[in-house]
PDB file of all heavy atoms in Angstrom:
ATOM      1  N   TYR A   1      -3.458  13.273 -10.480  1.00  0.00           N
ATOM      2  CA  TYR A   1      -2.773  13.873 -11.765  1.00  0.00           C
ATOM      3  C   TYR A   1      -2.486  12.680 -12.772  1.00  0.00           C
ATOM      4  O   TYR A   1      -2.766  12.878 -13.952  1.00  0.00           O
ATOM      5  CB  TYR A   1      -1.567  14.595 -11.186  1.00  0.00           C
ATOM      6  CG  TYR A   1      -0.835  15.393 -12.288  1.00  0.00           C
ATOM      7  CD1 TYR A   1      -0.919  16.869 -12.237  1.00  0.00           C
ATOM      8  CD2 TYR A   1      -0.235  14.811 -13.348  1.00  0.00           C
ATOM      9  CE1 TYR A   1      -0.311  17.613 -13.164  1.00  0.00           C
ATOM     10  CE2 TYR A   1       0.361  15.664 -14.310  1.00  0.00           C
ATOM     11  CZ  TYR A   1       0.344  16.968 -14.238  1.00  0.00           C
ATOM     12  OH  TYR A   1       0.965  17.842 -15.205  1.00  0.00           O
ATOM     13  N   VAL A   2      -1.884  11.696 -12.288  1.00  0.00           N
ATOM     14  CA  VAL A   2      -1.349  10.693 -13.280  1.00  0.00           C
ATOM     15  C   VAL A   2      -2.428   9.671 -13.731  1.00  0.00           C
ATOM     16  O   VAL A   2      -2.374   9.268 -14.806  1.00  0.00           O
ATOM     17  CB  VAL A   2      -0.130   9.896 -12.534  1.00  0.00           C
ATOM     18  CG1 VAL A   2       0.364   8.829 -13.440  1.00  0.00           C
ATOM     19  CG2 VAL A   2       1.001  10.885 -12.172  1.00  0.00           C
ATOM     20  N   LYS A   3      -3.366   9.321 -12.814  1.00  0.00           N
ATOM     21  CA  LYS A   3      -4.405   8.447 -13.153  1.00  0.00           C
ATOM     22  C   LYS A   3      -3.996   6.994 -13.559  1.00  0.00           C
ATOM     23  O   LYS A   3      -4.424   6.597 -14.683  1.00  0.00           O
ATOM     24  CB  LYS A   3      -5.338   9.108 -14.258  1.00  0.00           C
ATOM     25  CG  LYS A   3      -6.087  10.339 -13.735  1.00  0.00           C
ATOM     26  CD  LYS A   3      -6.977  10.855 -14.868  1.00  0.00           C
ATOM     27  CE  LYS A   3      -7.845  12.071 -14.362  1.00  0.00           C
ATOM     28  NZ  LYS A   3      -7.041  13.197 -13.908  1.00  0.00           N
ATOM     29  N   PRO A   4      -3.155   6.416 -12.779  1.00  0.00           N
ATOM     30  CA  PRO A   4      -2.830   4.987 -13.145  1.00  0.00           C
ATOM     31  C   PRO A   4      -4.041   4.086 -12.858  1.00  0.00           C
ATOM     32  O   PRO A   4      -4.988   4.497 -12.220  1.00  0.00           O
ATOM     33  CB  PRO A   4      -1.612   4.694 -12.119  1.00  0.00           C
ATOM     34  CG  PRO A   4      -1.925   5.536 -10.985  1.00  0.00           C
ATOM     35  CD  PRO A   4      -2.557   6.796 -11.564  1.00  0.00           C
ATOM     36  N   ASN A   5      -4.030   2.880 -13.413  1.00  0.00           N
ATOM     37  CA  ASN A   5      -5.044   1.952 -12.996  1.00  0.00           C
ATOM     38  C   ASN A   5      -5.011   1.454 -11.606  1.00  0.00           C
ATOM     39  O   ASN A   5      -5.954   1.193 -10.850  1.00  0.00           O
ATOM     40  CB  ASN A   5      -5.037   0.718 -13.982  1.00  0.00           C
ATOM     41  CG  ASN A   5      -5.310   1.149 -15.402  1.00  0.00           C
ATOM     42  OD1 ASN A   5      -4.324   0.993 -16.193  1.00  0.00           O
ATOM     43  ND2 ASN A   5      -6.454   1.512 -15.695  1.00  0.00           N
ATOM     44  N   VAL A   6      -3.712   1.332 -11.052  1.00  0.00           N
ATOM     45  CA  VAL A   6      -3.409   0.882  -9.687  1.00  0.00           C
ATOM     46  C   VAL A   6      -2.360   1.694  -9.144  1.00  0.00           C
ATOM     47  O   VAL A   6      -1.323   2.007  -9.833  1.00  0.00           O
ATOM     48  CB  VAL A   6      -3.005  -0.633  -9.750  1.00  0.00           C
ATOM     49  CG1 VAL A   6      -2.744  -1.165  -8.358  1.00  0.00           C
ATOM     50  CG2 VAL A   6      -4.029  -1.507 -10.521  1.00  0.00           C
ATOM     51  N   ILE A   7      -2.395   2.016  -7.868  1.00  0.00           N
ATOM     52  CA  ILE A   7      -1.328   2.632  -7.117  1.00  0.00           C
ATOM     53  C   ILE A   7      -0.677   1.657  -6.133  1.00  0.00           C
ATOM     54  O   ILE A   7      -1.367   0.904  -5.434  1.00  0.00           O
ATOM     55  CB  ILE A   7      -1.800   3.854  -6.374  1.00  0.00           C
ATOM     56  CG1 ILE A   7      -0.640   4.617  -5.846  1.00  0.00           C
ATOM     57  CG2 ILE A   7      -2.874   3.577  -5.263  1.00  0.00           C
ATOM     58  CD1 ILE A   7       0.196   5.348  -6.804  1.00  0.00           C
ATOM     59  N   SER A   8       0.631   1.467  -6.279  1.00  0.00           N
ATOM     60  CA  SER A   8       1.334   0.604  -5.364  1.00  0.00           C
ATOM     61  C   SER A   8       2.094   1.492  -4.190  1.00  0.00           C
ATOM     62  O   SER A   8       2.574   2.439  -4.508  1.00  0.00           O
ATOM     63  CB  SER A   8       2.469  -0.045  -6.143  1.00  0.00           C
ATOM     64  OG  SER A   8       2.988  -1.112  -5.371  1.00  0.00           O
ATOM     65  N   ILE A   9       1.783   1.048  -3.052  1.00  0.00           N
ATOM     66  CA  ILE A   9       2.168   1.922  -1.825  1.00  0.00           C
ATOM     67  C   ILE A   9       3.476   1.240  -1.197  1.00  0.00           C
ATOM     68  O   ILE A   9       3.586  -0.003  -1.191  1.00  0.00           O
ATOM     69  CB  ILE A   9       1.025   2.097  -0.810  1.00  0.00           C
ATOM     70  CG1 ILE A   9       0.557   0.742  -0.261  1.00  0.00           C
ATOM     71  CG2 ILE A   9      -0.088   2.861  -1.446  1.00  0.00           C
ATOM     72  CD1 ILE A   9      -0.581   0.860   0.784  1.00  0.00           C
ATOM     73  N   ASP A  10       4.247   2.115  -0.546  1.00  0.00           N
ATOM     74  CA  ASP A  10       5.373   1.515   0.211  1.00  0.00           C
ATOM     75  C   ASP A  10       5.019   1.202   1.643  1.00  0.00           C
ATOM     76  O   ASP A  10       3.969   1.515   2.055  1.00  0.00           O
ATOM     77  CB  ASP A  10       6.565   2.551   0.104  1.00  0.00           C
ATOM     78  CG  ASP A  10       6.216   3.875   0.806  1.00  0.00           C
ATOM     79  OD1 ASP A  10       5.898   3.863   1.899  1.00  0.00           O
ATOM     80  OD2 ASP A  10       6.347   4.870   0.106  1.00  0.00           O
ATOM     81  N   TYR A  11       5.950   0.592   2.267  1.00  0.00           N
ATOM     82  CA  TYR A  11       5.628   0.032   3.621  1.00  0.00           C
ATOM     83  C   TYR A  11       5.528   1.167   4.708  1.00  0.00           C
ATOM     84  O   TYR A  11       5.184   0.850   5.918  1.00  0.00           O
ATOM     85  CB  TYR A  11       6.618  -1.051   4.084  1.00  0.00           C
ATOM     86  CG  TYR A  11       8.078  -0.592   3.964  1.00  0.00           C
ATOM     87  CD1 TYR A  11       8.677   0.092   5.028  1.00  0.00           C
ATOM     88  CD2 TYR A  11       8.905  -1.014   2.894  1.00  0.00           C
ATOM     89  CE1 TYR A  11       9.987   0.432   4.988  1.00  0.00           C
ATOM     90  CE2 TYR A  11      10.219  -0.605   2.894  1.00  0.00           C
ATOM     91  CZ  TYR A  11      10.727   0.013   3.876  1.00  0.00           C
ATOM     92  OH  TYR A  11      12.127   0.375   3.794  1.00  0.00           O
ATOM     93  N   ASN A  12       5.835   2.378   4.401  1.00  0.00           N
ATOM     94  CA  ASN A  12       5.707   3.504   5.375  1.00  0.00           C
ATOM     95  C   ASN A  12       4.340   4.074   5.274  1.00  0.00           C
ATOM     96  O   ASN A  12       4.014   5.064   5.873  1.00  0.00           O
ATOM     97  CB  ASN A  12       6.724   4.553   5.115  1.00  0.00           C
ATOM     98  CG  ASN A  12       8.122   4.033   5.653  1.00  0.00           C
ATOM     99  OD1 ASN A  12       8.286   3.395   6.606  1.00  0.00           O
ATOM    100  ND2 ASN A  12       9.114   4.271   4.703  1.00  0.00           N
ATOM    101  N   THR A  13       3.467   3.604   4.381  1.00  0.00           N
ATOM    102  CA  THR A  13       2.168   4.214   4.131  1.00  0.00           C
ATOM    103  C   THR A  13       1.090   3.477   5.048  1.00  0.00           C
ATOM    104  O   THR A  13       1.100   2.273   5.107  1.00  0.00           O
ATOM    105  CB  THR A  13       1.742   4.074   2.637  1.00  0.00           C
ATOM    106  OG1 THR A  13       2.768   4.629   1.888  1.00  0.00           O
ATOM    107  CG2 THR A  13       0.439   4.664   2.363  1.00  0.00           C
ATOM    108  N   ASN A  14       0.275   4.243   5.623  1.00  0.00           N
ATOM    109  CA  ASN A  14      -0.861   3.737   6.386  1.00  0.00           C
ATOM    110  C   ASN A  14      -2.051   3.262   5.486  1.00  0.00           C
ATOM    111  O   ASN A  14      -2.597   4.112   4.901  1.00  0.00           O
ATOM    112  CB  ASN A  14      -1.354   4.844   7.360  1.00  0.00           C
ATOM    113  CG  ASN A  14      -2.360   4.315   8.361  1.00  0.00           C
ATOM    114  OD1 ASN A  14      -3.259   3.504   7.915  1.00  0.00           O
ATOM    115  ND2 ASN A  14      -2.243   4.627   9.549  1.00  0.00           N
ATOM    116  N   PRO A  15      -2.289   2.012   5.418  1.00  0.00           N
ATOM    117  CA  PRO A  15      -3.291   1.535   4.431  1.00  0.00           C
ATOM    118  C   PRO A  15      -4.682   1.995   4.795  1.00  0.00           C
ATOM    119  O   PRO A  15      -5.518   2.233   3.796  1.00  0.00           O
ATOM    120  CB  PRO A  15      -3.189  -0.025   4.582  1.00  0.00           C
ATOM    121  CG  PRO A  15      -2.573  -0.302   5.953  1.00  0.00           C
ATOM    122  CD  PRO A  15      -1.658   0.844   6.183  1.00  0.00           C
ATOM    123  N   LYS A  16      -4.987   2.193   6.002  1.00  0.00           N
ATOM    124  CA  LYS A  16      -6.386   2.834   6.355  1.00  0.00           C
ATOM    125  C   LYS A  16      -6.476   4.254   5.866  1.00  0.00           C
ATOM    126  O   LYS A  16      -7.560   4.574   5.304  1.00  0.00           O
ATOM    127  CB  LYS A  16      -6.530   2.708   7.877  1.00  0.00           C
ATOM    128  CG  LYS A  16      -6.915   1.352   8.439  1.00  0.00           C
ATOM    129  CD  LYS A  16      -7.254   1.409   9.806  1.00  0.00           C
ATOM    130  CE  LYS A  16      -7.676   0.062  10.443  1.00  0.00           C
ATOM    131  NZ  LYS A  16      -8.001   0.128  11.903  1.00  0.00           N
ATOM    132  N   LYS A  17      -5.478   4.979   6.034  1.00  0.00           N
ATOM    133  CA  LYS A  17      -5.566   6.420   5.670  1.00  0.00           C
ATOM    134  C   LYS A  17      -5.628   6.608   4.060  1.00  0.00           C
ATOM    135  O   LYS A  17      -6.416   7.367   3.608  1.00  0.00           O
ATOM    136  CB  LYS A  17      -4.299   7.116   6.136  1.00  0.00           C
ATOM    137  CG  LYS A  17      -4.401   7.502   7.736  1.00  0.00           C
ATOM    138  CD  LYS A  17      -3.239   8.335   8.136  1.00  0.00           C
ATOM    139  CE  LYS A  17      -3.296   8.609   9.611  1.00  0.00           C
ATOM    140  NZ  LYS A  17      -2.159   9.476  10.029  1.00  0.00           N
ATOM    141  N   ILE A  18      -4.822   5.752   3.466  1.00  0.00           N
ATOM    142  CA  ILE A  18      -4.926   5.853   1.924  1.00  0.00           C
ATOM    143  C   ILE A  18      -6.101   5.432   1.413  1.00  0.00           C
ATOM    144  O   ILE A  18      -6.578   5.980   0.388  1.00  0.00           O
ATOM    145  CB  ILE A  18      -3.571   5.117   1.344  1.00  0.00           C
ATOM    146  CG1 ILE A  18      -3.463   5.635  -0.195  1.00  0.00           C
ATOM    147  CG2 ILE A  18      -3.739   3.587   1.290  1.00  0.00           C
ATOM    148  CD1 ILE A  18      -2.144   5.264  -0.809  1.00  0.00           C
ATOM    149  N   LEU A  19      -6.782   4.449   2.003  1.00  0.00           N
ATOM    150  CA  LEU A  19      -8.061   3.894   1.563  1.00  0.00           C
ATOM    151  C   LEU A  19      -9.131   4.977   1.520  1.00  0.00           C
ATOM    152  O   LEU A  19     -10.069   4.928   0.763  1.00  0.00           O
ATOM    153  CB  LEU A  19      -8.449   2.729   2.322  1.00  0.00           C
ATOM    154  CG  LEU A  19      -9.754   1.921   1.916  1.00  0.00           C
ATOM    155  CD1 LEU A  19      -9.508   1.433   0.474  1.00  0.00           C
ATOM    156  CD2 LEU A  19      -9.982   0.751   2.750  1.00  0.00           C
ATOM    157  N   LYS A  20      -8.959   5.924   2.436  1.00  0.00           N
ATOM    158  CA  LYS A  20      -9.952   7.031   2.595  1.00  0.00           C
ATOM    159  C   LYS A  20      -9.863   7.968   1.489  1.00  0.00           C
ATOM    160  O   LYS A  20     -10.788   8.738   1.176  1.00  0.00           O
ATOM    161  CB  LYS A  20      -9.853   7.744   4.000  1.00  0.00           C
ATOM    162  CG  LYS A  20     -10.272   6.820   5.153  1.00  0.00           C
ATOM    163  CD  LYS A  20      -9.990   7.528   6.432  1.00  0.00           C
ATOM    164  CE  LYS A  20     -10.305   6.621   7.609  1.00  0.00           C
ATOM    165  NZ  LYS A  20     -10.034   7.345   8.957  1.00  0.00           N
ATOM    166  N   LYS A  21      -8.686   8.032   0.837  1.00  0.00           N
ATOM    167  CA  LYS A  21      -8.470   9.150  -0.151  1.00  0.00           C
ATOM    168  C   LYS A  21      -8.313   8.608  -1.632  1.00  0.00           C
ATOM    169  O   LYS A  21      -8.546   9.470  -2.512  1.00  0.00           O
ATOM    170  CB  LYS A  21      -7.061   9.851   0.156  1.00  0.00           C
ATOM    171  CG  LYS A  21      -7.135  10.547   1.530  1.00  0.00           C
ATOM    172  CD  LYS A  21      -5.781  11.178   1.815  1.00  0.00           C
ATOM    173  CE  LYS A  21      -5.715  11.920   3.079  1.00  0.00           C
ATOM    174  NZ  LYS A  21      -4.368  12.662   3.306  1.00  0.00           N
ATOM    175  N   ILE A  22      -8.070   7.332  -1.735  1.00  0.00           N
ATOM    176  CA  ILE A  22      -7.844   6.825  -3.119  1.00  0.00           C
ATOM    177  C   ILE A  22      -9.118   6.038  -3.641  1.00  0.00           C
ATOM    178  O   ILE A  22      -9.797   5.400  -2.884  1.00  0.00           O
ATOM    179  CB  ILE A  22      -6.626   5.832  -3.143  1.00  0.00           C
ATOM    180  CG1 ILE A  22      -5.345   6.615  -2.574  1.00  0.00           C
ATOM    181  CG2 ILE A  22      -6.470   5.237  -4.486  1.00  0.00           C
ATOM    182  CD1 ILE A  22      -4.907   7.852  -3.347  1.00  0.00           C
ATOM    183  N   ASN A  23      -9.369   6.263  -4.891  1.00  0.00           N
ATOM    184  CA  ASN A  23     -10.565   5.579  -5.439  1.00  0.00           C
ATOM    185  C   ASN A  23     -10.278   4.582  -6.612  1.00  0.00           C
ATOM    186  O   ASN A  23     -11.036   4.271  -7.423  1.00  0.00           O
ATOM    187  CB  ASN A  23     -11.574   6.563  -5.985  1.00  0.00           C
ATOM    188  CG  ASN A  23     -11.016   7.408  -7.073  1.00  0.00           C
ATOM    189  OD1 ASN A  23      -9.838   7.326  -7.383  1.00  0.00           O
ATOM    190  ND2 ASN A  23     -11.772   8.300  -7.572  1.00  0.00           N
ATOM    191  N   ILE A  24      -8.928   4.123  -6.649  1.00  0.00           N
ATOM    192  CA  ILE A  24      -8.501   3.115  -7.560  1.00  0.00           C
ATOM    193  C   ILE A  24      -7.902   1.964  -6.903  1.00  0.00           C
ATOM    194  O   ILE A  24      -7.595   2.019  -5.690  1.00  0.00           O
ATOM    195  CB  ILE A  24      -7.460   3.648  -8.606  1.00  0.00           C
ATOM    196  CG1 ILE A  24      -6.269   4.103  -7.876  1.00  0.00           C
ATOM    197  CG2 ILE A  24      -8.107   4.825  -9.444  1.00  0.00           C
ATOM    198  CD1 ILE A  24      -5.061   4.429  -8.773  1.00  0.00           C
ATOM    199  N   PRO A  25      -7.834   0.760  -7.470  1.00  0.00           N
ATOM    200  CA  PRO A  25      -7.148  -0.408  -6.856  1.00  0.00           C
ATOM    201  C   PRO A  25      -5.789  -0.022  -6.252  1.00  0.00           C
ATOM    202  O   PRO A  25      -5.043   0.762  -6.799  1.00  0.00           O
ATOM    203  CB  PRO A  25      -7.063  -1.418  -8.033  1.00  0.00           C
ATOM    204  CG  PRO A  25      -8.191  -1.070  -8.829  1.00  0.00           C
ATOM    205  CD  PRO A  25      -8.271   0.414  -8.812  1.00  0.00           C
ATOM    206  N   ILE A  26      -5.559  -0.733  -5.100  1.00  0.00           N
ATOM    207  CA  ILE A  26      -4.230  -0.462  -4.329  1.00  0.00           C
ATOM    208  C   ILE A  26      -3.450  -1.677  -4.290  1.00  0.00           C
ATOM    209  O   ILE A  26      -4.007  -2.884  -4.144  1.00  0.00           O
ATOM    210  CB  ILE A  26      -4.614   0.135  -2.923  1.00  0.00           C
ATOM    211  CG1 ILE A  26      -5.357   1.500  -3.010  1.00  0.00           C
ATOM    212  CG2 ILE A  26      -3.376   0.209  -2.083  1.00  0.00           C
ATOM    213  CD1 ILE A  26      -5.949   1.915  -1.702  1.00  0.00           C
ATOM    214  N   GLN A  27      -2.149  -1.643  -4.401  1.00  0.00           N
ATOM    215  CA  GLN A  27      -1.238  -2.786  -4.231  1.00  0.00           C
ATOM    216  C   GLN A  27      -0.177  -2.511  -3.232  1.00  0.00           C
ATOM    217  O   GLN A  27       0.263  -1.459  -2.979  1.00  0.00           O
ATOM    218  CB  GLN A  27      -0.550  -2.947  -5.621  1.00  0.00           C
ATOM    219  CG  GLN A  27       0.608  -3.911  -5.521  1.00  0.00           C
ATOM    220  CD  GLN A  27       1.339  -4.122  -6.866  1.00  0.00           C
ATOM    221  OE1 GLN A  27       0.930  -4.760  -7.734  1.00  0.00           O
ATOM    222  NE2 GLN A  27       2.508  -3.407  -7.015  1.00  0.00           N
ATOM    223  N   GLY A  28       0.175  -3.635  -2.481  1.00  0.00           N
ATOM    224  CA  GLY A  28       1.321  -3.545  -1.681  1.00  0.00           C
ATOM    225  C   GLY A  28       1.156  -2.965  -0.300  1.00  0.00           C
ATOM    226  O   GLY A  28       0.088  -2.871   0.244  1.00  0.00           O
ATOM    227  N   GLY A  29       2.352  -2.486   0.255  1.00  0.00           N
ATOM    228  CA  GLY A  29       2.414  -1.945   1.537  1.00  0.00           C
ATOM    229  C   GLY A  29       2.919  -2.678   2.598  1.00  0.00           C
ATOM    230  O   GLY A  29       3.382  -2.249   3.673  1.00  0.00           O
ATOM    231  N   ILE A  30       2.944  -4.101   2.541  1.00  0.00           N
ATOM    232  CA  ILE A  30       3.417  -4.912   3.564  1.00  0.00           C
ATOM    233  C   ILE A  30       4.970  -4.855   3.659  1.00  0.00           C
ATOM    234  O   ILE A  30       5.628  -4.924   2.606  1.00  0.00           O
ATOM    235  CB  ILE A  30       2.901  -6.281   3.343  1.00  0.00           C
ATOM    236  CG1 ILE A  30       1.380  -6.423   3.402  1.00  0.00           C
ATOM    237  CG2 ILE A  30       3.557  -7.327   4.362  1.00  0.00           C
ATOM    238  CD1 ILE A  30       0.666  -7.722   3.031  1.00  0.00           C
ATOM    239  N   ASN A  31       5.380  -4.740   4.888  1.00  0.00           N
ATOM    240  CA  ASN A  31       6.902  -4.552   5.060  1.00  0.00           C
ATOM    241  C   ASN A  31       7.541  -5.838   4.779  1.00  0.00           C
ATOM    242  O   ASN A  31       7.247  -6.907   5.428  1.00  0.00           O
ATOM    243  CB  ASN A  31       7.090  -4.158   6.515  1.00  0.00           C
ATOM    244  CG  ASN A  31       8.603  -3.709   6.686  1.00  0.00           C
ATOM    245  OD1 ASN A  31       9.510  -4.107   6.091  1.00  0.00           O
ATOM    246  ND2 ASN A  31       8.746  -2.619   7.578  1.00  0.00           N
ATOM    247  N   PRO A  32       8.593  -5.940   3.910  1.00  0.00           N
ATOM    248  CA  PRO A  32       9.258  -7.220   3.567  1.00  0.00           C
ATOM    249  C   PRO A  32       9.981  -7.732   4.814  1.00  0.00           C
ATOM    250  O   PRO A  32      10.248  -8.916   4.785  1.00  0.00           O
ATOM    251  CB  PRO A  32      10.153  -6.838   2.410  1.00  0.00           C
ATOM    252  CG  PRO A  32      10.240  -5.293   2.459  1.00  0.00           C
ATOM    253  CD  PRO A  32       8.993  -4.825   2.954  1.00  0.00           C
ATOM    254  N   LYS A  33      10.315  -6.980   5.746  1.00  0.00           N
ATOM    255  CA  LYS A  33      10.989  -7.467   6.913  1.00  0.00           C
ATOM    256  C   LYS A  33      10.168  -8.392   7.771  1.00  0.00           C
ATOM    257  O   LYS A  33      10.605  -9.249   8.516  1.00  0.00           O
ATOM    258  CB  LYS A  33      11.378  -6.303   7.825  1.00  0.00           C
ATOM    259  CG  LYS A  33      12.587  -5.534   7.347  1.00  0.00           C
ATOM    260  CD  LYS A  33      13.070  -4.418   8.222  1.00  0.00           C
ATOM    261  CE  LYS A  33      14.255  -3.710   7.639  1.00  0.00           C
ATOM    262  NZ  LYS A  33      14.739  -2.575   8.575  1.00  0.00           N
ATOM    263  N   LEU A  34       8.796  -8.320   7.567  1.00  0.00           N
ATOM    264  CA  LEU A  34       7.878  -9.179   8.286  1.00  0.00           C
ATOM    265  C   LEU A  34       8.060 -10.653   7.827  1.00  0.00           C
ATOM    266  O   LEU A  34       7.785 -11.653   8.636  1.00  0.00           O
ATOM    267  CB  LEU A  34       6.468  -8.804   8.077  1.00  0.00           C
ATOM    268  CG  LEU A  34       5.893  -7.603   8.847  1.00  0.00           C
ATOM    269  CD1 LEU A  34       4.621  -7.042   8.361  1.00  0.00           C
ATOM    270  CD2 LEU A  34       5.844  -8.041  10.356  1.00  0.00           C
ATOM    271  N   LEU A  35       8.518 -10.871   6.633  1.00  0.00           N
ATOM    272  CA  LEU A  35       8.841 -12.217   6.151  1.00  0.00           C
ATOM    273  C   LEU A  35      10.150 -12.868   6.711  1.00  0.00           C
ATOM    274  O   LEU A  35      10.403 -13.972   6.515  1.00  0.00           O
ATOM    275  CB  LEU A  35       8.972 -12.250   4.600  1.00  0.00           C
ATOM    276  CG  LEU A  35       7.650 -12.448   3.920  1.00  0.00           C
ATOM    277  CD1 LEU A  35       6.776 -11.126   3.977  1.00  0.00           C
ATOM    278  CD2 LEU A  35       7.673 -12.864   2.451  1.00  0.00           C
ATOM    279  N   LEU A  36      10.810 -11.966   7.505  1.00  0.00           N
ATOM    280  CA  LEU A  36      12.100 -12.455   8.217  1.00  0.00           C
ATOM    281  C   LEU A  36      11.793 -12.806   9.611  1.00  0.00           C
ATOM    282  O   LEU A  36      12.607 -13.378  10.353  1.00  0.00           O
ATOM    283  CB  LEU A  36      13.165 -11.350   8.182  1.00  0.00           C
ATOM    284  CG  LEU A  36      13.559 -10.820   6.828  1.00  0.00           C
ATOM    285  CD1 LEU A  36      14.785  -9.834   6.999  1.00  0.00           C
ATOM    286  CD2 LEU A  36      14.057 -11.958   5.891  1.00  0.00           C
ATOM    287  N   GLY A  37      10.583 -12.466  10.135  1.00  0.00           N
ATOM    288  CA  GLY A  37      10.273 -12.682  11.581  1.00  0.00           C
ATOM    289  C   GLY A  37       9.379 -13.875  11.719  1.00  0.00           C
ATOM    290  O   GLY A  37       9.516 -14.887  11.079  1.00  0.00           O
ATOM    291  N   SER A  38       8.490 -13.829  12.748  1.00  0.00           N
ATOM    292  CA  SER A  38       7.651 -14.927  13.111  1.00  0.00           C
ATOM    293  C   SER A  38       6.376 -15.071  12.332  1.00  0.00           C
ATOM    294  O   SER A  38       5.943 -14.023  11.697  1.00  0.00           O
ATOM    295  CB  SER A  38       7.207 -14.773  14.555  1.00  0.00           C
ATOM    296  OG  SER A  38       6.238 -13.746  14.681  1.00  0.00           O
ATOM    297  N   LYS A  39       5.948 -16.290  12.188  1.00  0.00           N
ATOM    298  CA  LYS A  39       4.757 -16.472  11.449  1.00  0.00           C
ATOM    299  C   LYS A  39       3.516 -15.778  12.095  1.00  0.00           C
ATOM    300  O   LYS A  39       2.576 -15.409  11.431  1.00  0.00           O
ATOM    301  CB  LYS A  39       4.421 -18.030  11.353  1.00  0.00           C
ATOM    302  CG  LYS A  39       5.356 -18.767  10.450  1.00  0.00           C
ATOM    303  CD  LYS A  39       4.982 -20.263  10.281  1.00  0.00           C
ATOM    304  CE  LYS A  39       5.822 -20.972   9.248  1.00  0.00           C
ATOM    305  NZ  LYS A  39       5.493 -22.379   9.133  1.00  0.00           N
TER     306      LYS A  39
END
C-alpha cells in the first residue's frame, strides 16, 4: 500500500519469512539485546 523505498523491520520479525514476501530493500531486525550479551 505505502510503497516505501525500504522497509525497516522490528526484532520480532522473522527475516527469512519476510524475505519471501517483500520485494524492496529491507533494514534492521537484529535484537538490540544481543549487543548486551556475548560476542
